[in-house]
Amino acid sequence: LNNQYGEALAAAGLVLSGVSHDEALVEVVELPEHPWFMGCQFHPEFTSNPRDGHPLFASYITAALQYAGGSE
């Protein structure tokens, strides 16, 4: 995410919650008003395997199951 848009996106309600090591790029954004919204510019799947998935995937699946069951 281009940091030039950071203020405008934050004003629109996005939380800029993760940055690159050199703080040059925003790499994670969240939308607190949404039941589960997260955007990332990194690759969490690279740290996953079939027995031990990345916490982002587990969280997404949990939220989807809750939504499907009507308990959002």
Protein backbone atom coordinates (compact mmCIF):
# COMPACT_ATOMS: atom_id res chain seq x y z
CA LEU A 1 0.00 0.00 0.00
CA ASN A 2 1.39 3.35 -0.95
CA ASN A 3 1.94 5.37 2.22
CA GLN A 4 0.67 8.47 0.42
CA TYR A 5 -2.85 7.11 0.90
CA GLY A 6 -2.43 6.26 4.58
CA GLU A 7 -4.16 9.30 6.04
CA ALA A 8 -7.11 9.09 3.64
CA LEU A 9 -7.59 5.38 4.28
CA ALA A 10 -7.36 5.85 8.05
CA ALA A 11 -9.91 8.67 7.82
CA ALA A 12 -12.22 6.28 5.94
CA GLY A 13 -12.03 3.76 8.79
CA LEU A 14 -9.22 1.41 7.82
CA VAL A 15 -6.69 0.53 10.50
CA LEU A 16 -3.17 0.42 9.10
CA SER A 17 -1.94 -2.34 11.38
CA GLY A 18 1.28 -3.65 9.84
CA VAL A 19 4.23 -2.10 8.06
CA SER A 20 7.33 -3.42 6.33
CA HIS A 21 10.57 -3.78 8.31
CA ASP A 22 11.84 -0.49 6.90
CA GLU A 23 8.41 1.12 7.50
CA ALA A 24 8.29 2.13 3.83
CA LEU A 25 5.04 0.27 3.05
CA VAL A 26 1.82 -0.51 4.85
CA GLU A 27 1.46 -4.28 4.56
CA VAL A 28 -1.61 -5.03 6.69
CA VAL A 29 -4.95 -3.21 6.87
CA GLU A 30 -8.06 -4.02 8.87
CA LEU A 31 -11.62 -2.73 8.88
CA PRO A 32 -12.88 -2.90 12.48
CA GLU A 33 -16.54 -2.32 11.56
CA HIS A 34 -16.59 -5.51 9.46
CA PRO A 35 -16.96 -8.98 11.04
CA TRP A 36 -13.75 -10.14 9.35
CA PHE A 37 -11.83 -7.92 6.98
CA MET A 38 -8.10 -7.98 6.61
CA GLY A 39 -5.84 -7.23 3.71
CA CYS A 40 -2.20 -8.19 3.59
CA GLN A 41 0.63 -7.65 1.17
CA PHE A 42 2.73 -10.52 2.46
CA HIS A 43 2.28 -14.27 1.93
CA PRO A 44 1.00 -16.05 5.04
CA GLU A 45 0.57 -19.25 3.02
CA PHE A 46 4.36 -19.57 2.87
CA THR A 47 4.42 -20.31 6.61
CA SER A 48 1.56 -22.82 6.50
CA ASN A 49 1.42 -26.55 6.05
CA PRO A 50 -1.54 -28.99 6.01
CA ARG A 51 -1.26 -29.69 9.74
CA ASP A 52 -0.42 -26.21 10.94
CA GLY A 53 -2.13 -23.45 9.00
CA HIS A 54 -1.37 -19.78 9.44
CA PRO A 55 -3.57 -18.12 12.13
CA LEU A 56 -5.07 -15.81 9.48
CA PHE A 57 -6.56 -18.78 7.65
CA ALA A 58 -7.91 -20.33 10.85
CA SER A 59 -9.46 -17.01 11.86
CA TYR A 60 -11.07 -16.57 8.44
CA ILE A 61 -12.55 -20.07 8.48
CA THR A 62 -13.90 -19.56 12.00
CA ALA A 63 -15.53 -16.27 10.97
CA ALA A 64 -17.03 -17.86 7.84
CA LEU A 65 -18.49 -20.74 9.84
CA GLN A 66 -19.98 -18.33 12.38
CA TYR A 67 -21.47 -16.26 9.56
CA ALA A 68 -22.91 -19.35 7.85
CA GLY A 69 -24.45 -20.44 11.14
CA GLY A 70 -25.98 -17.03 11.76
CA SER A 71 -23.97 -16.35 14.90
CA GLU A 72 -22.00 -13.38 13.59
